[in-house]
Amino acid sequence: MDSELSALETKVAHAVAQLKQLREEGRELRQLLAARTDENVRLAEKLATAKARIEALLKQIPETEA
């Protein structure tokens, strides 16, 4: 009986350790996702600005007759 309780205690301790590790990994992944989402927004804004600048420059180019 003692060996069964000991084995169960070991399994529970292992499960608790895994739970803690998975919670930490989840926290890290949420932080990484937030950082990447912010970066994606920033890059989309830069892309929109560049597109607007290119469109403005294209309007300044005189059309040529073909």
PDB file of N, CA and C in Angstrom:
ATOM      1  N   MET A   1       0.820  -1.194   0.000  1.00  0.00           N
ATOM      2  CA  MET A   1       0.000   0.000   0.000  1.00  0.00           C
ATOM      3  C   MET A   1       0.863   1.256   0.000  1.00  0.00           C
ATOM      4  N   ASP A   2       1.937   1.239   0.781  1.00  0.00           N
ATOM      5  CA  ASP A   2       2.836   2.391   0.825  1.00  0.00           C
ATOM      6  C   ASP A   2       3.482   2.643  -0.532  1.00  0.00           C
ATOM      7  N   SER A   3       3.825   1.570  -1.220  1.00  0.00           N
ATOM      8  CA  SER A   3       4.455   1.734  -2.530  1.00  0.00           C
ATOM      9  C   SER A   3       3.457   2.316  -3.536  1.00  0.00           C
ATOM     10  N   GLU A   4       2.190   1.928  -3.408  1.00  0.00           N
ATOM     11  CA  GLU A   4       1.169   2.475  -4.299  1.00  0.00           C
ATOM     12  C   GLU A   4       0.971   3.964  -4.037  1.00  0.00           C
ATOM     13  N   LEU A   5       0.932   4.351  -2.763  1.00  0.00           N
ATOM     14  CA  LEU A   5       0.793   5.760  -2.416  1.00  0.00           C
ATOM     15  C   LEU A   5       2.002   6.561  -2.872  1.00  0.00           C
ATOM     16  N   SER A   6       3.161   5.968  -2.726  1.00  0.00           N
ATOM     17  CA  SER A   6       4.384   6.631  -3.155  1.00  0.00           C
ATOM     18  C   SER A   6       4.383   6.844  -4.676  1.00  0.00           C
ATOM     19  N   ALA A   7       3.943   5.814  -5.394  1.00  0.00           N
ATOM     20  CA  ALA A   7       3.880   5.915  -6.848  1.00  0.00           C
ATOM     21  C   ALA A   7       2.863   6.978  -7.262  1.00  0.00           C
ATOM     22  N   LEU A   8       1.726   6.995  -6.577  1.00  0.00           N
ATOM     23  CA  LEU A   8       0.709   7.999  -6.865  1.00  0.00           C
ATOM     24  C   LEU A   8       1.220   9.399  -6.555  1.00  0.00           C
ATOM     25  N   GLU A   9       1.922   9.538  -5.449  1.00  0.00           N
ATOM     26  CA  GLU A   9       2.494  10.829  -5.074  1.00  0.00           C
ATOM     27  C   GLU A   9       3.492  11.307  -6.127  1.00  0.00           C
ATOM     28  N   THR A  10       4.286  10.392  -6.630  1.00  0.00           N
ATOM     29  CA  THR A  10       5.255  10.722  -7.676  1.00  0.00           C
ATOM     30  C   THR A  10       4.549  11.176  -8.948  1.00  0.00           C
ATOM     31  N   LYS A  11       3.480  10.459  -9.304  1.00  0.00           N
ATOM     32  CA  LYS A  11       2.728  10.833 -10.503  1.00  0.00           C
ATOM     33  C   LYS A  11       2.076  12.202 -10.344  1.00  0.00           C
ATOM     34  N   VAL A  12       1.515  12.467  -9.177  1.00  0.00           N
ATOM     35  CA  VAL A  12       0.878  13.759  -8.929  1.00  0.00           C
ATOM     36  C   VAL A  12       1.921  14.872  -8.977  1.00  0.00           C
ATOM     37  N   ALA A  13       3.071  14.641  -8.367  1.00  0.00           N
ATOM     38  CA  ALA A  13       4.133  15.648  -8.382  1.00  0.00           C
ATOM     39  C   ALA A  13       4.585  15.922  -9.814  1.00  0.00           C
ATOM     40  N   HIS A  14       4.679  14.862 -10.606  1.00  0.00           N
ATOM     41  CA  HIS A  14       5.079  15.020 -12.004  1.00  0.00           C
ATOM     42  C   HIS A  14       4.013  15.820 -12.771  1.00  0.00           C
ATOM     43  N   ALA A  15       2.747  15.506 -12.533  1.00  0.00           N
ATOM     44  CA  ALA A  15       1.656  16.216 -13.207  1.00  0.00           C
ATOM     45  C   ALA A  15       1.653  17.694 -12.819  1.00  0.00           C
ATOM     46  N   VAL A  16       1.897  17.993 -11.553  1.00  0.00           N
ATOM     47  CA  VAL A  16       1.942  19.378 -11.090  1.00  0.00           C
ATOM     48  C   VAL A  16       3.112  20.111 -11.744  1.00  0.00           C
ATOM     49  N   ALA A  17       4.250  19.457 -11.849  1.00  0.00           N
ATOM     50  CA  ALA A  17       5.421  20.074 -12.484  1.00  0.00           C
ATOM     51  C   ALA A  17       5.136  20.354 -13.957  1.00  0.00           C
ATOM     52  N   GLN A  18       4.480  19.401 -14.629  1.00  0.00           N
ATOM     53  CA  GLN A  18       4.138  19.618 -16.036  1.00  0.00           C
ATOM     54  C   GLN A  18       3.156  20.761 -16.193  1.00  0.00           C
ATOM     55  N   LEU A  19       2.185  20.845 -15.296  1.00  0.00           N
ATOM     56  CA  LEU A  19       1.209  21.921 -15.335  1.00  0.00           C
ATOM     57  C   LEU A  19       1.890  23.279 -15.191  1.00  0.00           C
ATOM     58  N   LYS A  20       2.810  23.383 -14.249  1.00  0.00           N
ATOM     59  CA  LYS A  20       3.542  24.642 -14.059  1.00  0.00           C
ATOM     60  C   LYS A  20       4.334  25.005 -15.304  1.00  0.00           C
ATOM     61  N   GLN A  21       4.986  24.006 -15.889  1.00  0.00           N
ATOM     62  CA  GLN A  21       5.782  24.255 -17.094  1.00  0.00           C
ATOM     63  C   GLN A  21       4.887  24.703 -18.248  1.00  0.00           C
ATOM     64  N   LEU A  22       3.752  24.038 -18.418  1.00  0.00           N
ATOM     65  CA  LEU A  22       2.840  24.399 -19.506  1.00  0.00           C
ATOM     66  C   LEU A  22       2.231  25.780 -19.296  1.00  0.00           C
ATOM     67  N   ARG A  23       1.946  26.136 -18.065  1.00  0.00           N
ATOM     68  CA  ARG A  23       1.432  27.480 -17.793  1.00  0.00           C
ATOM     69  C   ARG A  23       2.476  28.536 -18.140  1.00  0.00           C
ATOM     70  N   GLU A  24       3.724  28.272 -17.802  1.00  0.00           N
ATOM     71  CA  GLU A  24       4.801  29.214 -18.118  1.00  0.00           C
ATOM     72  C   GLU A  24       4.982  29.332 -19.628  1.00  0.00           C
ATOM     73  N   GLU A  25       4.955  28.198 -20.319  1.00  0.00           N
ATOM     74  CA  GLU A  25       5.072  28.225 -21.774  1.00  0.00           C
ATOM     75  C   GLU A  25       3.914  28.992 -22.397  1.00  0.00           C
ATOM     76  N   GLY A  26       2.709  28.793 -21.868  1.00  0.00           N
ATOM     77  CA  GLY A  26       1.541  29.515 -22.363  1.00  0.00           C
ATOM     78  C   GLY A  26       1.697  31.019 -22.167  1.00  0.00           C
ATOM     79  N   ARG A  27       2.206  31.414 -20.997  1.00  0.00           N
ATOM     80  CA  ARG A  27       2.430  32.835 -20.721  1.00  0.00           C
ATOM     81  C   ARG A  27       3.447  33.416 -21.704  1.00  0.00           C
ATOM     82  N   GLU A  28       4.533  32.690 -21.912  1.00  0.00           N
ATOM     83  CA  GLU A  28       5.563  33.149 -22.845  1.00  0.00           C
ATOM     84  C   GLU A  28       5.010  33.250 -24.272  1.00  0.00           C
ATOM     85  N   LEU A  29       4.201  32.278 -24.663  1.00  0.00           N
ATOM     86  CA  LEU A  29       3.622  32.304 -26.008  1.00  0.00           C
ATOM     87  C   LEU A  29       2.639  33.459 -26.173  1.00  0.00           C
ATOM     88  N   ARG A  30       1.874  33.765 -25.137  1.00  0.00           N
ATOM     89  CA  ARG A  30       0.959  34.905 -25.206  1.00  0.00           C
ATOM     90  C   ARG A  30       1.735  36.211 -25.349  1.00  0.00           C
ATOM     91  N   GLN A  31       2.845  36.324 -24.625  1.00  0.00           N
ATOM     92  CA  GLN A  31       3.679  37.522 -24.739  1.00  0.00           C
ATOM     93  C   GLN A  31       4.282  37.631 -26.130  1.00  0.00           C
ATOM     94  N   LEU A  32       4.748  36.514 -26.653  1.00  0.00           N
ATOM     95  CA  LEU A  32       5.329  36.501 -27.995  1.00  0.00           C
ATOM     96  C   LEU A  32       4.278  36.862 -29.042  1.00  0.00           C
ATOM     97  N   LEU A  33       3.083  36.321 -28.893  1.00  0.00           N
ATOM     98  CA  LEU A  33       2.005  36.635 -29.819  1.00  0.00           C
ATOM     99  C   LEU A  33       1.675  38.118 -29.776  1.00  0.00           C
ATOM    100  N   ALA A  34       1.609  38.686 -28.586  1.00  0.00           N
ATOM    101  CA  ALA A  34       1.312  40.116 -28.450  1.00  0.00           C
ATOM    102  C   ALA A  34       2.398  40.951 -29.127  1.00  0.00           C
ATOM    103  N   ALA A  35       3.652  40.569 -28.940  1.00  0.00           N
ATOM    104  CA  ALA A  35       4.757  41.308 -29.562  1.00  0.00           C
ATOM    105  C   ALA A  35       4.685  41.200 -31.079  1.00  0.00           C
ATOM    106  N   ARG A  36       4.397  40.018 -31.585  1.00  0.00           N
ATOM    107  CA  ARG A  36       4.324  39.834 -33.039  1.00  0.00           C
ATOM    108  C   ARG A  36       3.117  40.559 -33.621  1.00  0.00           C
ATOM    109  N   THR A  37       2.025  40.596 -32.884  1.00  0.00           N
ATOM    110  CA  THR A  37       0.843  41.316 -33.346  1.00  0.00           C
ATOM    111  C   THR A  37       1.141  42.804 -33.429  1.00  0.00           C
ATOM    112  N   ASP A  38       1.806  43.332 -32.417  1.00  0.00           N
ATOM    113  CA  ASP A  38       2.197  44.746 -32.447  1.00  0.00           C
ATOM    114  C   ASP A  38       3.124  45.034 -33.619  1.00  0.00           C
ATOM    115  N   GLU A  39       4.073  44.139 -33.838  1.00  0.00           N
ATOM    116  CA  GLU A  39       5.009  44.317 -34.953  1.00  0.00           C
ATOM    117  C   GLU A  39       4.267  44.272 -36.287  1.00  0.00           C
ATOM    118  N   ASN A  40       3.303  43.375 -36.398  1.00  0.00           N
ATOM    119  CA  ASN A  40       2.524  43.254 -37.626  1.00  0.00           C
ATOM    120  C   ASN A  40       1.745  44.534 -37.898  1.00  0.00           C
ATOM    121  N   VAL A  41       1.163  45.109 -36.870  1.00  0.00           N
ATOM    122  CA  VAL A  41       0.431  46.373 -37.024  1.00  0.00           C
ATOM    123  C   VAL A  41       1.380  47.478 -37.465  1.00  0.00           C
ATOM    124  N   ARG A  42       2.543  47.548 -36.830  1.00  0.00           N
ATOM    125  CA  ARG A  42       3.528  48.575 -37.173  1.00  0.00           C
ATOM    126  C   ARG A  42       3.983  48.428 -38.624  1.00  0.00           C
ATOM    127  N   LEU A  43       4.242  47.202 -39.051  1.00  0.00           N
ATOM    128  CA  LEU A  43       4.686  46.978 -40.430  1.00  0.00           C
ATOM    129  C   LEU A  43       3.569  47.274 -41.429  1.00  0.00           C
ATOM    130  N   ALA A  44       2.341  46.976 -41.073  1.00  0.00           N
ATOM    131  CA  ALA A  44       1.218  47.289 -41.963  1.00  0.00           C
ATOM    132  C   ALA A  44       1.086  48.799 -42.124  1.00  0.00           C
ATOM    133  N   GLU A  45       1.301  49.539 -41.046  1.00  0.00           N
ATOM    134  CA  GLU A  45       1.252  50.999 -41.129  1.00  0.00           C
ATOM    135  C   GLU A  45       2.378  51.531 -42.012  1.00  0.00           C
ATOM    136  N   LYS A  46       3.577  50.961 -41.865  1.00  0.00           N
ATOM    137  CA  LYS A  46       4.694  51.389 -42.711  1.00  0.00           C
ATOM    138  C   LYS A  46       4.409  51.084 -44.178  1.00  0.00           C
ATOM    139  N   LEU A  47       3.816  49.933 -44.425  1.00  0.00           N
ATOM    140  CA  LEU A  47       3.484  49.542 -45.791  1.00  0.00           C
ATOM    141  C   LEU A  47       2.451  50.493 -46.387  1.00  0.00           C
ATOM    142  N   ALA A  48       1.452  50.845 -45.614  1.00  0.00           N
ATOM    143  CA  ALA A  48       0.428  51.780 -46.093  1.00  0.00           C
ATOM    144  C   ALA A  48       1.045  53.144 -46.392  1.00  0.00           C
ATOM    145  N   THR A  49       1.963  53.596 -45.541  1.00  0.00           N
ATOM    146  CA  THR A  49       2.634  54.872 -45.771  1.00  0.00           C
ATOM    147  C   THR A  49       3.468  54.818 -47.050  1.00  0.00           C
ATOM    148  N   ALA A  50       4.199  53.738 -47.223  1.00  0.00           N
ATOM    149  CA  ALA A  50       5.027  53.592 -48.431  1.00  0.00           C
ATOM    150  C   ALA A  50       4.153  53.542 -49.677  1.00  0.00           C
ATOM    151  N   LYS A  51       3.035  52.844 -49.597  1.00  0.00           N
ATOM    152  CA  LYS A  51       2.122  52.757 -50.743  1.00  0.00           C
ATOM    153  C   LYS A  51       1.593  54.139 -51.098  1.00  0.00           C
ATOM    154  N   ALA A  52       1.206  54.907 -50.093  1.00  0.00           N
ATOM    155  CA  ALA A  52       0.685  56.255 -50.340  1.00  0.00           C
ATOM    156  C   ALA A  52       1.764  57.132 -50.974  1.00  0.00           C
ATOM    157  N   ARG A  53       2.989  57.005 -50.500  1.00  0.00           N
ATOM    158  CA  ARG A  53       4.080  57.818 -51.063  1.00  0.00           C
ATOM    159  C   ARG A  53       4.340  57.437 -52.515  1.00  0.00           C
ATOM    160  N   ILE A  54       4.332  56.147 -52.800  1.00  0.00           N
ATOM    161  CA  ILE A  54       4.576  55.691 -54.181  1.00  0.00           C
ATOM    162  C   ILE A  54       3.451  56.168 -55.093  1.00  0.00           C
ATOM    163  N   GLU A  55       2.215  56.058 -54.616  1.00  0.00           N
ATOM    164  CA  GLU A  55       1.088  56.526 -55.425  1.00  0.00           C
ATOM    165  C   GLU A  55       1.196  58.028 -55.693  1.00  0.00           C
ATOM    166  N   ALA A  56       1.616  58.789 -54.696  1.00  0.00           N
ATOM    167  CA  ALA A  56       1.784  60.238 -54.877  1.00  0.00           C
ATOM    168  C   ALA A  56       2.886  60.520 -55.894  1.00  0.00           C
ATOM    169  N   LEU A  57       3.974  59.769 -55.834  1.00  0.00           N
ATOM    170  CA  LEU A  57       5.058  59.957 -56.801  1.00  0.00           C
ATOM    171  C   LEU A  57       4.621  59.581 -58.206  1.00  0.00           C
ATOM    172  N   LEU A  58       3.848  58.516 -58.320  1.00  0.00           N
ATOM    173  CA  LEU A  58       3.381  58.094 -59.641  1.00  0.00           C
ATOM    174  C   LEU A  58       2.481  59.151 -60.274  1.00  0.00           C
ATOM    175  N   LYS A  59       1.720  59.861 -59.466  1.00  0.00           N
ATOM    176  CA  LYS A  59       0.853  60.900 -59.994  1.00  0.00           C
ATOM    177  C   LYS A  59       1.658  62.086 -60.523  1.00  0.00           C
ATOM    178  N   GLN A  60       2.875  62.237 -60.026  1.00  0.00           N
ATOM    179  CA  GLN A  60       3.721  63.349 -60.467  1.00  0.00           C
ATOM    180  C   GLN A  60       4.410  63.060 -61.797  1.00  0.00           C
ATOM    181  N   ILE A  61       4.461  61.809 -62.183  1.00  0.00           N
ATOM    182  CA  ILE A  61       5.134  61.446 -63.445  1.00  0.00           C
ATOM    183  C   ILE A  61       4.195  61.789 -64.594  1.00  0.00           C
ATOM    184  N   PRO A  62       4.697  62.570 -65.532  1.00  0.00           N
ATOM    185  CA  PRO A  62       3.837  62.902 -66.668  1.00  0.00           C
ATOM    186  C   PRO A  62       3.590  61.676 -67.544  1.00  0.00           C
ATOM    187  N   GLU A  63       2.384  61.613 -68.065  1.00  0.00           N
ATOM    188  CA  GLU A  63       2.046  60.493 -68.946  1.00  0.00           C
ATOM    189  C   GLU A  63       2.680  60.724 -70.307  1.00  0.00           C
ATOM    190  N   THR A  64       3.167  59.685 -70.901  1.00  0.00           N
ATOM    191  CA  THR A  64       3.762  59.794 -72.237  1.00  0.00           C
ATOM    192  C   THR A  64       2.850  59.126 -73.241  1.00  0.00           C
ATOM    193  N   GLU A  65       2.885  59.629 -74.442  1.00  0.00           N
ATOM    194  CA  GLU A  65       2.068  59.038 -75.495  1.00  0.00           C
ATOM    195  C   GLU A  65       2.812  57.858 -76.078  1.00  0.00           C
ATOM    196  N   ALA A  66       2.110  56.782 -76.273  1.00  0.00           N
ATOM    197  CA  ALA A  66       2.731  55.573 -76.810  1.00  0.00           C
ATOM    198  C   ALA A  66       2.657  55.525 -78.308  1.00  0.00           C
TER     199      ALA A  66
END
